[in-house]
Amino acid sequence: MKLYHLVPPDQWEQFKDDTFYAPPSLEQEGFIHCSSAEQVSASANRHFAGNTSLWLLVINPEKVSARIVFEDLYGGGMEFPHIYGQLPIQAIEAVIPLKPEAAGRFSFLPPKAFES
């Protein structure tokens, strides 16, 4: 199973040429927020409503040395994957654009290639 991380284009630009990706949430909360394929659309619409574009990082968890924990931190009844440490750039298998549909909502269905 792949993991997915939503990131605004300007934030990705800061890290794309580095060895590790460490977004502000890592320092502020101690982990990197991720989603499963089924959670991407809801996460994008909840946290990035109004954005006209996002990047979606496709992460191979087997290449992540930091601890990955699936947890429901906010009591919403759904567990989300969190990476407790820096994300090696080499663990990112793809960076794909995620743009909202005409109604302004994000929708994502993972290509079969990402789910192997």
PDB file of N, CA and C in Angstrom:
ATOM      1  N   MET A   1       0.837  -1.189   0.000  1.00  0.00           N
ATOM      2  CA  MET A   1       0.000   0.000   0.000  1.00  0.00           C
ATOM      3  C   MET A   1       0.880   1.250   0.000  1.00  0.00           C
ATOM      4  N   LYS A   2       0.598   2.152  -0.891  1.00  0.00           N
ATOM      5  CA  LYS A   2       1.314   3.425  -0.944  1.00  0.00           C
ATOM      6  C   LYS A   2       0.701   4.398   0.061  1.00  0.00           C
ATOM      7  N   LEU A   3       1.493   5.366   0.460  1.00  0.00           N
ATOM      8  CA  LEU A   3       1.015   6.473   1.280  1.00  0.00           C
ATOM      9  C   LEU A   3       1.019   7.711   0.403  1.00  0.00           C
ATOM     10  N   TYR A   4       0.197   8.685   0.775  1.00  0.00           N
ATOM     11  CA  TYR A   4       0.075   9.920   0.002  1.00  0.00           C
ATOM     12  C   TYR A   4       0.189  11.114   0.939  1.00  0.00           C
ATOM     13  N   HIS A   5       0.875  12.131   0.447  1.00  0.00           N
ATOM     14  CA  HIS A   5       1.028  13.359   1.237  1.00  0.00           C
ATOM     15  C   HIS A   5       0.683  14.538   0.344  1.00  0.00           C
ATOM     16  N   LEU A   6      -0.216  15.383   0.807  1.00  0.00           N
ATOM     17  CA  LEU A   6      -0.626  16.587   0.085  1.00  0.00           C
ATOM     18  C   LEU A   6       0.298  17.734   0.442  1.00  0.00           C
ATOM     19  N   VAL A   7       0.725  18.471  -0.574  1.00  0.00           N
ATOM     20  CA  VAL A   7       1.647  19.571  -0.317  1.00  0.00           C
ATOM     21  C   VAL A   7       1.387  20.706  -1.318  1.00  0.00           C
ATOM     22  N   PRO A   8       1.329  21.950  -0.835  1.00  0.00           N
ATOM     23  CA  PRO A   8       1.217  23.090  -1.755  1.00  0.00           C
ATOM     24  C   PRO A   8       2.477  23.185  -2.617  1.00  0.00           C
ATOM     25  N   PRO A   9       2.337  23.615  -3.865  1.00  0.00           N
ATOM     26  CA  PRO A   9       3.491  23.674  -4.766  1.00  0.00           C
ATOM     27  C   PRO A   9       4.682  24.458  -4.217  1.00  0.00           C
ATOM     28  N   ASP A  10       4.446  25.593  -3.563  1.00  0.00           N
ATOM     29  CA  ASP A  10       5.569  26.394  -3.062  1.00  0.00           C
ATOM     30  C   ASP A  10       6.324  25.665  -1.951  1.00  0.00           C
ATOM     31  N   GLN A  11       5.632  24.890  -1.137  1.00  0.00           N
ATOM     32  CA  GLN A  11       6.309  24.136  -0.081  1.00  0.00           C
ATOM     33  C   GLN A  11       7.150  23.007  -0.682  1.00  0.00           C
ATOM     34  N   TRP A  12       6.625  22.333  -1.703  1.00  0.00           N
ATOM     35  CA  TRP A  12       7.381  21.251  -2.340  1.00  0.00           C
ATOM     36  C   TRP A  12       8.654  21.813  -2.980  1.00  0.00           C
ATOM     37  N   GLU A  13       8.571  22.977  -3.559  1.00  0.00           N
ATOM     38  CA  GLU A  13       9.747  23.599  -4.202  1.00  0.00           C
ATOM     39  C   GLU A  13      10.904  23.767  -3.221  1.00  0.00           C
ATOM     40  N   GLN A  14      10.612  23.987  -1.959  1.00  0.00           N
ATOM     41  CA  GLN A  14      11.656  24.178  -0.947  1.00  0.00           C
ATOM     42  C   GLN A  14      12.463  22.916  -0.690  1.00  0.00           C
ATOM     43  N   PHE A  15      11.861  21.754  -0.919  1.00  0.00           N
ATOM     44  CA  PHE A  15      12.492  20.491  -0.528  1.00  0.00           C
ATOM     45  C   PHE A  15      12.837  19.552  -1.672  1.00  0.00           C
ATOM     46  N   LYS A  16      12.312  19.778  -2.854  1.00  0.00           N
ATOM     47  CA  LYS A  16      12.398  18.778  -3.919  1.00  0.00           C
ATOM     48  C   LYS A  16      13.824  18.372  -4.292  1.00  0.00           C
ATOM     49  N   ASP A  17      14.787  19.233  -4.065  1.00  0.00           N
ATOM     50  CA  ASP A  17      16.178  18.920  -4.406  1.00  0.00           C
ATOM     51  C   ASP A  17      17.008  18.508  -3.193  1.00  0.00           C
ATOM     52  N   ASP A  18      16.355  18.352  -2.044  1.00  0.00           N
ATOM     53  CA  ASP A  18      17.051  17.960  -0.816  1.00  0.00           C
ATOM     54  C   ASP A  18      17.113  16.437  -0.691  1.00  0.00           C
ATOM     55  N   THR A  19      17.787  15.963   0.324  1.00  0.00           N
ATOM     56  CA  THR A  19      17.861  14.533   0.610  1.00  0.00           C
ATOM     57  C   THR A  19      16.623  14.072   1.358  1.00  0.00           C
ATOM     58  N   PHE A  20      16.070  14.969   2.191  1.00  0.00           N
ATOM     59  CA  PHE A  20      14.892  14.641   2.989  1.00  0.00           C
ATOM     60  C   PHE A  20      13.832  15.716   2.835  1.00  0.00           C
ATOM     61  N   TYR A  21      12.589  15.304   2.987  1.00  0.00           N
ATOM     62  CA  TYR A  21      11.453  16.212   3.011  1.00  0.00           C
ATOM     63  C   TYR A  21      11.005  16.332   4.468  1.00  0.00           C
ATOM     64  N   ALA A  22      10.940  17.559   4.967  1.00  0.00           N
ATOM     65  CA  ALA A  22      10.550  17.801   6.353  1.00  0.00           C
ATOM     66  C   ALA A  22       9.625  19.024   6.392  1.00  0.00           C
ATOM     67  N   PRO A  23       8.326  18.826   6.191  1.00  0.00           N
ATOM     68  CA  PRO A  23       7.387  19.946   6.180  1.00  0.00           C
ATOM     69  C   PRO A  23       7.216  20.554   7.566  1.00  0.00           C
ATOM     70  N   PRO A  24       6.603  21.719   7.652  1.00  0.00           N
ATOM     71  CA  PRO A  24       6.407  22.377   8.948  1.00  0.00           C
ATOM     72  C   PRO A  24       5.713  21.493   9.989  1.00  0.00           C
ATOM     73  N   SER A  25       4.817  20.610   9.567  1.00  0.00           N
ATOM     74  CA  SER A  25       4.107  19.762  10.545  1.00  0.00           C
ATOM     75  C   SER A  25       5.057  18.853  11.309  1.00  0.00           C
ATOM     76  N   LEU A  26       6.185  18.502  10.712  1.00  0.00           N
ATOM     77  CA  LEU A  26       7.136  17.637  11.408  1.00  0.00           C
ATOM     78  C   LEU A  26       7.682  18.338  12.648  1.00  0.00           C
ATOM     79  N   GLU A  27       8.021  19.600  12.520  1.00  0.00           N
ATOM     80  CA  GLU A  27       8.524  20.356  13.674  1.00  0.00           C
ATOM     81  C   GLU A  27       7.389  20.728  14.631  1.00  0.00           C
ATOM     82  N   GLN A  28       6.257  21.118  14.089  1.00  0.00           N
ATOM     83  CA  GLN A  28       5.142  21.584  14.914  1.00  0.00           C
ATOM     84  C   GLN A  28       4.422  20.459  15.653  1.00  0.00           C
ATOM     85  N   GLU A  29       4.231  19.315  14.967  1.00  0.00           N
ATOM     86  CA  GLU A  29       3.441  18.231  15.551  1.00  0.00           C
ATOM     87  C   GLU A  29       4.244  16.954  15.782  1.00  0.00           C
ATOM     88  N   GLY A  30       5.432  16.883  15.201  1.00  0.00           N
ATOM     89  CA  GLY A  30       6.277  15.715  15.398  1.00  0.00           C
ATOM     90  C   GLY A  30       6.110  14.619  14.361  1.00  0.00           C
ATOM     91  N   PHE A  31       5.279  14.875  13.343  1.00  0.00           N
ATOM     92  CA  PHE A  31       5.076  13.866  12.306  1.00  0.00           C
ATOM     93  C   PHE A  31       4.635  14.528  11.001  1.00  0.00           C
ATOM     94  N   ILE A  32       4.676  13.744   9.934  1.00  0.00           N
ATOM     95  CA  ILE A  32       4.208  14.183   8.620  1.00  0.00           C
ATOM     96  C   ILE A  32       2.851  13.531   8.381  1.00  0.00           C
ATOM     97  N   HIS A  33       1.851  14.348   8.120  1.00  0.00           N
ATOM     98  CA  HIS A  33       0.504  13.851   7.832  1.00  0.00           C
ATOM     99  C   HIS A  33       0.485  13.148   6.481  1.00  0.00           C
ATOM    100  N   CYS A  34      -0.106  11.974   6.434  1.00  0.00           N
ATOM    101  CA  CYS A  34      -0.285  11.247   5.176  1.00  0.00           C
ATOM    102  C   CYS A  34      -1.709  10.721   5.105  1.00  0.00           C
ATOM    103  N   SER A  35      -2.030  10.148   3.964  1.00  0.00           N
ATOM    104  CA  SER A  35      -3.338   9.545   3.748  1.00  0.00           C
ATOM    105  C   SER A  35      -3.166   8.250   2.989  1.00  0.00           C
ATOM    106  N   SER A  36      -4.166   7.388   3.095  1.00  0.00           N
ATOM    107  CA  SER A  36      -4.266   6.243   2.198  1.00  0.00           C
ATOM    108  C   SER A  36      -4.907   6.765   0.910  1.00  0.00           C
ATOM    109  N   ALA A  37      -4.938   5.956  -0.114  1.00  0.00           N
ATOM    110  CA  ALA A  37      -5.555   6.383  -1.375  1.00  0.00           C
ATOM    111  C   ALA A  37      -7.008   6.788  -1.164  1.00  0.00           C
ATOM    112  N   GLU A  38      -7.712   6.036  -0.322  1.00  0.00           N
ATOM    113  CA  GLU A  38      -9.127   6.305  -0.076  1.00  0.00           C
ATOM    114  C   GLU A  38      -9.355   7.592   0.717  1.00  0.00           C
ATOM    115  N   GLN A  39      -8.339   8.087   1.394  1.00  0.00           N
ATOM    116  CA  GLN A  39      -8.483   9.275   2.236  1.00  0.00           C
ATOM    117  C   GLN A  39      -8.045  10.569   1.559  1.00  0.00           C
ATOM    118  N   VAL A  40      -7.401  10.476   0.409  1.00  0.00           N
ATOM    119  CA  VAL A  40      -6.814  11.666  -0.232  1.00  0.00           C
ATOM    120  C   VAL A  40      -7.858  12.731  -0.524  1.00  0.00           C
ATOM    121  N   SER A  41      -8.946  12.382  -1.189  1.00  0.00           N
ATOM    122  CA  SER A  41      -9.945  13.389  -1.574  1.00  0.00           C
ATOM    123  C   SER A  41     -10.513  14.115  -0.363  1.00  0.00           C
ATOM    124  N   ALA A  42     -10.896  13.368   0.656  1.00  0.00           N
ATOM    125  CA  ALA A  42     -11.463  13.988   1.856  1.00  0.00           C
ATOM    126  C   ALA A  42     -10.444  14.885   2.545  1.00  0.00           C
ATOM    127  N   SER A  43      -9.189  14.432   2.626  1.00  0.00           N
ATOM    128  CA  SER A  43      -8.141  15.252   3.258  1.00  0.00           C
ATOM    129  C   SER A  43      -7.901  16.531   2.470  1.00  0.00           C
ATOM    130  N   ALA A  44      -7.842  16.416   1.160  1.00  0.00           N
ATOM    131  CA  ALA A  44      -7.618  17.608   0.319  1.00  0.00           C
ATOM    132  C   ALA A  44      -8.754  18.602   0.483  1.00  0.00           C
ATOM    133  N   ASN A  45      -9.976  18.114   0.488  1.00  0.00           N
ATOM    134  CA  ASN A  45     -11.126  19.014   0.604  1.00  0.00           C
ATOM    135  C   ASN A  45     -11.255  19.610   1.999  1.00  0.00           C
ATOM    136  N   ARG A  46     -10.835  18.883   3.008  1.00  0.00           N
ATOM    137  CA  ARG A  46     -10.920  19.382   4.390  1.00  0.00           C
ATOM    138  C   ARG A  46      -9.832  20.416   4.669  1.00  0.00           C
ATOM    139  N   HIS A  47      -8.622  20.141   4.229  1.00  0.00           N
ATOM    140  CA  HIS A  47      -7.483  20.979   4.621  1.00  0.00           C
ATOM    141  C   HIS A  47      -7.017  21.964   3.560  1.00  0.00           C
ATOM    142  N   PHE A  48      -7.433  21.768   2.317  1.00  0.00           N
ATOM    143  CA  PHE A  48      -6.930  22.625   1.244  1.00  0.00           C
ATOM    144  C   PHE A  48      -8.053  23.209   0.396  1.00  0.00           C
ATOM    145  N   ALA A  49      -9.240  23.310   0.949  1.00  0.00           N
ATOM    146  CA  ALA A  49     -10.364  23.911   0.220  1.00  0.00           C
ATOM    147  C   ALA A  49      -9.974  25.317  -0.223  1.00  0.00           C
ATOM    148  N   GLY A  50     -10.294  25.639  -1.444  1.00  0.00           N
ATOM    149  CA  GLY A  50      -9.975  26.957  -1.976  1.00  0.00           C
ATOM    150  C   GLY A  50      -8.652  27.019  -2.723  1.00  0.00           C
ATOM    151  N   ASN A  51      -7.788  26.042  -2.522  1.00  0.00           N
ATOM    152  CA  ASN A  51      -6.534  26.009  -3.282  1.00  0.00           C
ATOM    153  C   ASN A  51      -6.838  25.625  -4.724  1.00  0.00           C
ATOM    154  N   THR A  52      -6.083  26.178  -5.623  1.00  0.00           N
ATOM    155  CA  THR A  52      -6.306  25.853  -7.032  1.00  0.00           C
ATOM    156  C   THR A  52      -5.407  24.729  -7.512  1.00  0.00           C
ATOM    157  N   SER A  53      -4.391  24.398  -6.726  1.00  0.00           N
ATOM    158  CA  SER A  53      -3.559  23.261  -7.102  1.00  0.00           C
ATOM    159  C   SER A  53      -2.779  22.764  -5.891  1.00  0.00           C
ATOM    160  N   LEU A  54      -2.509  21.488  -5.918  1.00  0.00           N
ATOM    161  CA  LEU A  54      -1.697  20.831  -4.897  1.00  0.00           C
ATOM    162  C   LEU A  54      -0.796  19.830  -5.599  1.00  0.00           C
ATOM    163  N   TRP A  55       0.233  19.420  -4.902  1.00  0.00           N
ATOM    164  CA  TRP A  55       1.025  18.284  -5.346  1.00  0.00           C
ATOM    165  C   TRP A  55       0.689  17.136  -4.417  1.00  0.00           C
ATOM    166  N   LEU A  56       0.659  15.956  -4.987  1.00  0.00           N
ATOM    167  CA  LEU A  56       0.412  14.751  -4.223  1.00  0.00           C
ATOM    168  C   LEU A  56       1.663  13.882  -4.314  1.00  0.00           C
ATOM    169  N   LEU A  57       2.314  13.682  -3.175  1.00  0.00           N
ATOM    170  CA  LEU A  57       3.500  12.844  -3.130  1.00  0.00           C
ATOM    171  C   LEU A  57       3.058  11.404  -2.939  1.00  0.00           C
ATOM    172  N   VAL A  58       3.539  10.526  -3.803  1.00  0.00           N
ATOM    173  CA  VAL A  58       3.249   9.096  -3.710  1.00  0.00           C
ATOM    174  C   VAL A  58       4.454   8.460  -3.029  1.00  0.00           C
ATOM    175  N   ILE A  59       4.229   7.895  -1.855  1.00  0.00           N
ATOM    176  CA  ILE A  59       5.317   7.428  -0.989  1.00  0.00           C
ATOM    177  C   ILE A  59       5.319   5.906  -0.894  1.00  0.00           C
ATOM    178  N   ASN A  60       6.505   5.335  -1.069  1.00  0.00           N
ATOM    179  CA  ASN A  60       6.690   3.904  -0.847  1.00  0.00           C
ATOM    180  C   ASN A  60       7.100   3.729   0.612  1.00  0.00           C
ATOM    181  N   PRO A  61       6.228   3.195   1.462  1.00  0.00           N
ATOM    182  CA  PRO A  61       6.552   3.091   2.886  1.00  0.00           C
ATOM    183  C   PRO A  61       7.732   2.163   3.179  1.00  0.00           C
ATOM    184  N   GLU A  62       8.044   1.263   2.272  1.00  0.00           N
ATOM    185  CA  GLU A  62       9.180   0.361   2.474  1.00  0.00           C
ATOM    186  C   GLU A  62      10.521   1.093   2.410  1.00  0.00           C
ATOM    187  N   LYS A  63      10.508   2.303   1.854  1.00  0.00           N
ATOM    188  CA  LYS A  63      11.737   3.093   1.748  1.00  0.00           C
ATOM    189  C   LYS A  63      11.825   4.181   2.817  1.00  0.00           C
ATOM    190  N   VAL A  64      10.900   4.162   3.752  1.00  0.00           N
ATOM    191  CA  VAL A  64      10.864   5.145   4.837  1.00  0.00           C
ATOM    192  C   VAL A  64      11.471   4.498   6.080  1.00  0.00           C
ATOM    193  N   SER A  65      12.534   5.095   6.594  1.00  0.00           N
ATOM    194  CA  SER A  65      13.173   4.525   7.784  1.00  0.00           C
ATOM    195  C   SER A  65      12.509   4.996   9.084  1.00  0.00           C
ATOM    196  N   ALA A  66      11.820   6.116   9.044  1.00  0.00           N
ATOM    197  CA  ALA A  66      11.127   6.626  10.234  1.00  0.00           C
ATOM    198  C   ALA A  66       9.915   5.747  10.541  1.00  0.00           C
ATOM    199  N   ARG A  67       9.480   5.827  11.769  1.00  0.00           N
ATOM    200  CA  ARG A  67       8.320   5.060  12.221  1.00  0.00           C
ATOM    201  C   ARG A  67       7.049   5.596  11.552  1.00  0.00           C
ATOM    202  N   ILE A  68       6.229   4.694  11.023  1.00  0.00           N
ATOM    203  CA  ILE A  68       4.931   5.039  10.440  1.00  0.00           C
ATOM    204  C   ILE A  68       3.854   4.452  11.346  1.00  0.00           C
ATOM    205  N   VAL A  69       2.948   5.314  11.802  1.00  0.00           N
ATOM    206  CA  VAL A  69       1.897   4.878  12.722  1.00  0.00           C
ATOM    207  C   VAL A  69       0.543   5.281  12.131  1.00  0.00           C
ATOM    208  N   PHE A  70      -0.391   4.321  12.107  1.00  0.00           N
ATOM    209  CA  PHE A  70      -1.768   4.616  11.706  1.00  0.00           C
ATOM    210  C   PHE A  70      -2.525   4.920  12.985  1.00  0.00           C
ATOM    211  N   GLU A  71      -3.078   6.137  13.056  1.00  0.00           N
ATOM    212  CA  GLU A  71      -3.738   6.529  14.299  1.00  0.00           C
ATOM    213  C   GLU A  71      -4.845   7.546  14.064  1.00  0.00           C
ATOM    214  N   ASP A  72      -5.773   7.558  14.985  1.00  0.00           N
ATOM    215  CA  ASP A  72      -6.891   8.494  14.987  1.00  0.00           C
ATOM    216  C   ASP A  72      -6.629   9.501  16.108  1.00  0.00           C
ATOM    217  N   LEU A  73      -5.892  10.537  15.801  1.00  0.00           N
ATOM    218  CA  LEU A  73      -5.489  11.510  16.821  1.00  0.00           C
ATOM    219  C   LEU A  73      -6.594  12.474  17.230  1.00  0.00           C
ATOM    220  N   TYR A  74      -7.569  12.657  16.356  1.00  0.00           N
ATOM    221  CA  TYR A  74      -8.565  13.688  16.620  1.00  0.00           C
ATOM    222  C   TYR A  74      -9.949  13.113  16.913  1.00  0.00           C
ATOM    223  N   GLY A  75     -10.038  11.789  17.096  1.00  0.00           N
ATOM    224  CA  GLY A  75     -11.299  11.170  17.457  1.00  0.00           C
ATOM    225  C   GLY A  75     -12.338  11.147  16.362  1.00  0.00           C
ATOM    226  N   GLY A  76     -11.912  11.189  15.121  1.00  0.00           N
ATOM    227  CA  GLY A  76     -12.856  11.189  14.008  1.00  0.00           C
ATOM    228  C   GLY A  76     -13.292   9.806  13.558  1.00  0.00           C
ATOM    229  N   GLY A  77     -12.725   8.766  14.175  1.00  0.00           N
ATOM    230  CA  GLY A  77     -13.117   7.417  13.830  1.00  0.00           C
ATOM    231  C   GLY A  77     -12.371   6.820  12.653  1.00  0.00           C
ATOM    232  N   MET A  78     -11.361   7.518  12.149  1.00  0.00           N
ATOM    233  CA  MET A  78     -10.578   7.000  11.032  1.00  0.00           C
ATOM    234  C   MET A  78      -9.098   7.170  11.341  1.00  0.00           C
ATOM    235  N   GLU A  79      -8.340   6.120  11.105  1.00  0.00           N
ATOM    236  CA  GLU A  79      -6.896   6.180  11.326  1.00  0.00           C
ATOM    237  C   GLU A  79      -6.179   6.659  10.077  1.00  0.00           C
ATOM    238  N   PHE A  80      -5.258   7.575  10.265  1.00  0.00           N
ATOM    239  CA  PHE A  80      -4.444   8.119   9.183  1.00  0.00           C
ATOM    240  C   PHE A  80      -2.990   7.745   9.414  1.00  0.00           C
ATOM    241  N   PRO A  81      -2.235   7.523   8.341  1.00  0.00           N
ATOM    242  CA  PRO A  81      -0.812   7.236   8.507  1.00  0.00           C
ATOM    243  C   PRO A  81      -0.024   8.511   8.804  1.00  0.00           C
ATOM    244  N   HIS A  82       0.860   8.417   9.779  1.00  0.00           N
ATOM    245  CA  HIS A  82       1.737   9.528  10.145  1.00  0.00           C
ATOM    246  C   HIS A  82       3.175   9.028  10.125  1.00  0.00           C
ATOM    247  N   ILE A  83       4.053   9.824   9.544  1.00  0.00           N
ATOM    248  CA  ILE A  83       5.477   9.480   9.494  1.00  0.00           C
ATOM    249  C   ILE A  83       6.178  10.286  10.575  1.00  0.00           C
ATOM    250  N   TYR A  84       6.748   9.603  11.547  1.00  0.00           N
ATOM    251  CA  TYR A  84       7.397  10.246  12.688  1.00  0.00           C
ATOM    252  C   TYR A  84       8.889  10.437  12.414  1.00  0.00           C
ATOM    253  N   GLY A  85       9.190  11.319  11.488  1.00  0.00           N
ATOM    254  CA  GLY A  85      10.567  11.632  11.130  1.00  0.00           C
ATOM    255  C   GLY A  85      10.614  12.180   9.718  1.00  0.00           C
ATOM    256  N   GLN A  86      11.812  12.500   9.286  1.00  0.00           N
ATOM    257  CA  GLN A  86      11.985  13.037   7.943  1.00  0.00           C
ATOM    258  C   GLN A  86      11.668  11.972   6.900  1.00  0.00           C
ATOM    259  N   LEU A  87      11.183  12.431   5.771  1.00  0.00           N
ATOM    260  CA  LEU A  87      10.848  11.549   4.664  1.00  0.00           C
ATOM    261  C   LEU A  87      11.980  11.591   3.639  1.00  0.00           C
ATOM    262  N   PRO A  88      12.650  10.460   3.384  1.00  0.00           N
ATOM    263  CA  PRO A  88      13.700  10.463   2.361  1.00  0.00           C
ATOM    264  C   PRO A  88      13.094  10.750   0.981  1.00  0.00           C
ATOM    265  N   ILE A  89      13.696  11.641   0.252  1.00  0.00           N
ATOM    266  CA  ILE A  89      13.200  11.968  -1.086  1.00  0.00           C
ATOM    267  C   ILE A  89      13.140  10.709  -1.944  1.00  0.00           C
ATOM    268  N   GLN A  90      14.082   9.784  -1.738  1.00  0.00           N
ATOM    269  CA  GLN A  90      14.092   8.546  -2.530  1.00  0.00           C
ATOM    270  C   GLN A  90      12.857   7.678  -2.286  1.00  0.00           C
ATOM    271  N   ALA A  91      12.133   7.899  -1.190  1.00  0.00           N
ATOM    272  CA  ALA A  91      10.914   7.145  -0.910  1.00  0.00           C
ATOM    273  C   ALA A  91       9.713   7.687  -1.687  1.00  0.00           C
ATOM    274  N   ILE A  92       9.883   8.859  -2.290  1.00  0.00           N
ATOM    275  CA  ILE A  92       8.801   9.472  -3.069  1.00  0.00           C
ATOM    276  C   ILE A  92       8.890   8.941  -4.491  1.00  0.00           C
ATOM    277  N   GLU A  93       7.908   8.138  -4.872  1.00  0.00           N
ATOM    278  CA  GLU A  93       7.926   7.490  -6.180  1.00  0.00           C
ATOM    279  C   GLU A  93       7.346   8.350  -7.282  1.00  0.00           C
ATOM    280  N   ALA A  94       6.506   9.298  -6.922  1.00  0.00           N
ATOM    281  CA  ALA A  94       5.912  10.187  -7.921  1.00  0.00           C
ATOM    282  C   ALA A  94       5.408  11.445  -7.235  1.00  0.00           C
ATOM    283  N   VAL A  95       5.381  12.510  -7.990  1.00  0.00           N
ATOM    284  CA  VAL A  95       4.798  13.774  -7.548  1.00  0.00           C
ATOM    285  C   VAL A  95       3.806  14.148  -8.635  1.00  0.00           C
ATOM    286  N   ILE A  96       2.531  14.096  -8.299  1.00  0.00           N
ATOM    287  CA  ILE A  96       1.515  14.328  -9.317  1.00  0.00           C
ATOM    288  C   ILE A  96       0.655  15.535  -8.945  1.00  0.00           C
ATOM    289  N   PRO A  97       0.223  16.275  -9.951  1.00  0.00           N
ATOM    290  CA  PRO A  97      -0.625  17.439  -9.667  1.00  0.00           C
ATOM    291  C   PRO A  97      -2.028  16.995  -9.260  1.00  0.00           C
ATOM    292  N   LEU A  98      -2.585  17.717  -8.331  1.00  0.00           N
ATOM    293  CA  LEU A  98      -3.960  17.482  -7.903  1.00  0.00           C
ATOM    294  C   LEU A  98      -4.667  18.824  -7.991  1.00  0.00           C
ATOM    295  N   LYS A  99      -5.555  18.934  -8.954  1.00  0.00           N
ATOM    296  CA  LYS A  99      -6.284  20.184  -9.166  1.00  0.00           C
ATOM    297  C   LYS A  99      -7.762  19.950  -8.869  1.00  0.00           C
ATOM    298  N   PRO A 100      -8.432  20.969  -8.377  1.00  0.00           N
ATOM    299  CA  PRO A 100      -9.858  20.792  -8.083  1.00  0.00           C
ATOM    300  C   PRO A 100     -10.679  20.684  -9.368  1.00  0.00           C
ATOM    301  N   GLU A 101     -11.809  20.024  -9.244  1.00  0.00           N
ATOM    302  CA  GLU A 101     -12.750  19.942 -10.356  1.00  0.00           C
ATOM    303  C   GLU A 101     -13.444  21.291 -10.514  1.00  0.00           C
ATOM    304  N   ALA A 102     -14.303  21.421 -11.502  1.00  0.00           N
ATOM    305  CA  ALA A 102     -14.980  22.689 -11.798  1.00  0.00           C
ATOM    306  C   ALA A 102     -15.716  23.245 -10.580  1.00  0.00           C
ATOM    307  N   ALA A 103     -16.274  22.384  -9.760  1.00  0.00           N
ATOM    308  CA  ALA A 103     -17.011  22.829  -8.577  1.00  0.00           C
ATOM    309  C   ALA A 103     -16.088  23.216  -7.428  1.00  0.00           C
ATOM    310  N   GLY A 104     -14.764  23.075  -7.620  1.00  0.00           N
ATOM    311  CA  GLY A 104     -13.803  23.471  -6.601  1.00  0.00           C
ATOM    312  C   GLY A 104     -13.421  22.377  -5.626  1.00  0.00           C
ATOM    313  N   ARG A 105     -13.925  21.169  -5.822  1.00  0.00           N
ATOM    314  CA  ARG A 105     -13.618  20.053  -4.925  1.00  0.00           C
ATOM    315  C   ARG A 105     -12.541  19.171  -5.546  1.00  0.00           C
ATOM    316  N   PHE A 106     -11.718  18.611  -4.682  1.00  0.00           N
ATOM    317  CA  PHE A 106     -10.677  17.700  -5.128  1.00  0.00           C
ATOM    318  C   PHE A 106     -11.224  16.278  -5.193  1.00  0.00           C
ATOM    319  N   SER A 107     -10.770  15.541  -6.193  1.00  0.00           N
ATOM    320  CA  SER A 107     -11.153  14.150  -6.345  1.00  0.00           C
ATOM    321  C   SER A 107      -9.924  13.379  -6.792  1.00  0.00           C
ATOM    322  N   PHE A 108      -9.690  12.214  -6.186  1.00  0.00           N
ATOM    323  CA  PHE A 108      -8.518  11.429  -6.519  1.00  0.00           C
ATOM    324  C   PHE A 108      -8.839   9.947  -6.558  1.00  0.00           C
ATOM    325  N   LEU A 109      -8.481   9.328  -7.641  1.00  0.00           N
ATOM    326  CA  LEU A 109      -8.509   7.878  -7.776  1.00  0.00           C
ATOM    327  C   LEU A 109      -7.103   7.481  -8.180  1.00  0.00           C
ATOM    328  N   PRO A 110      -6.440   6.650  -7.379  1.00  0.00           N
ATOM    329  CA  PRO A 110      -5.047   6.324  -7.690  1.00  0.00           C
ATOM    330  C   PRO A 110      -4.914   5.469  -8.947  1.00  0.00           C
ATOM    331  N   PRO A 111      -3.947   5.799  -9.798  1.00  0.00           N
ATOM    332  CA  PRO A 111      -3.666   4.917 -10.930  1.00  0.00           C
ATOM    333  C   PRO A 111      -3.251   3.548 -10.404  1.00  0.00           C
ATOM    334  N   LYS A 112      -3.605   2.508 -11.123  1.00  0.00           N
ATOM    335  CA  LYS A 112      -3.275   1.139 -10.694  1.00  0.00           C
ATOM    336  C   LYS A 112      -1.795   0.973 -10.423  1.00  0.00           C
ATOM    337  N   ALA A 113      -0.953   1.679 -11.151  1.00  0.00           N
ATOM    338  CA  ALA A 113       0.511   1.551 -10.980  1.00  0.00           C
ATOM    339  C   ALA A 113       0.945   1.937  -9.578  1.00  0.00           C
ATOM    340  N   PHE A 114       0.211   2.822  -8.911  1.00  0.00           N
ATOM    341  CA  PHE A 114       0.589   3.274  -7.578  1.00  0.00           C
ATOM    342  C   PHE A 114       0.179   2.295  -6.494  1.00  0.00           C
ATOM    343  N   GLU A 115      -0.722   1.414  -6.776  1.00  0.00           N
ATOM    344  CA  GLU A 115      -1.253   0.550  -5.738  1.00  0.00           C
ATOM    345  C   GLU A 115      -0.599  -0.825  -5.678  1.00  0.00           C
ATOM    346  N   SER A 116       0.440  -1.034  -6.437  1.00  0.00           N
ATOM    347  CA  SER A 116       1.093  -2.347  -6.385  1.00  0.00           C
ATOM    348  C   SER A 116       2.104  -2.395  -5.274  1.00  0.00           C
TER     349      SER A 116
END
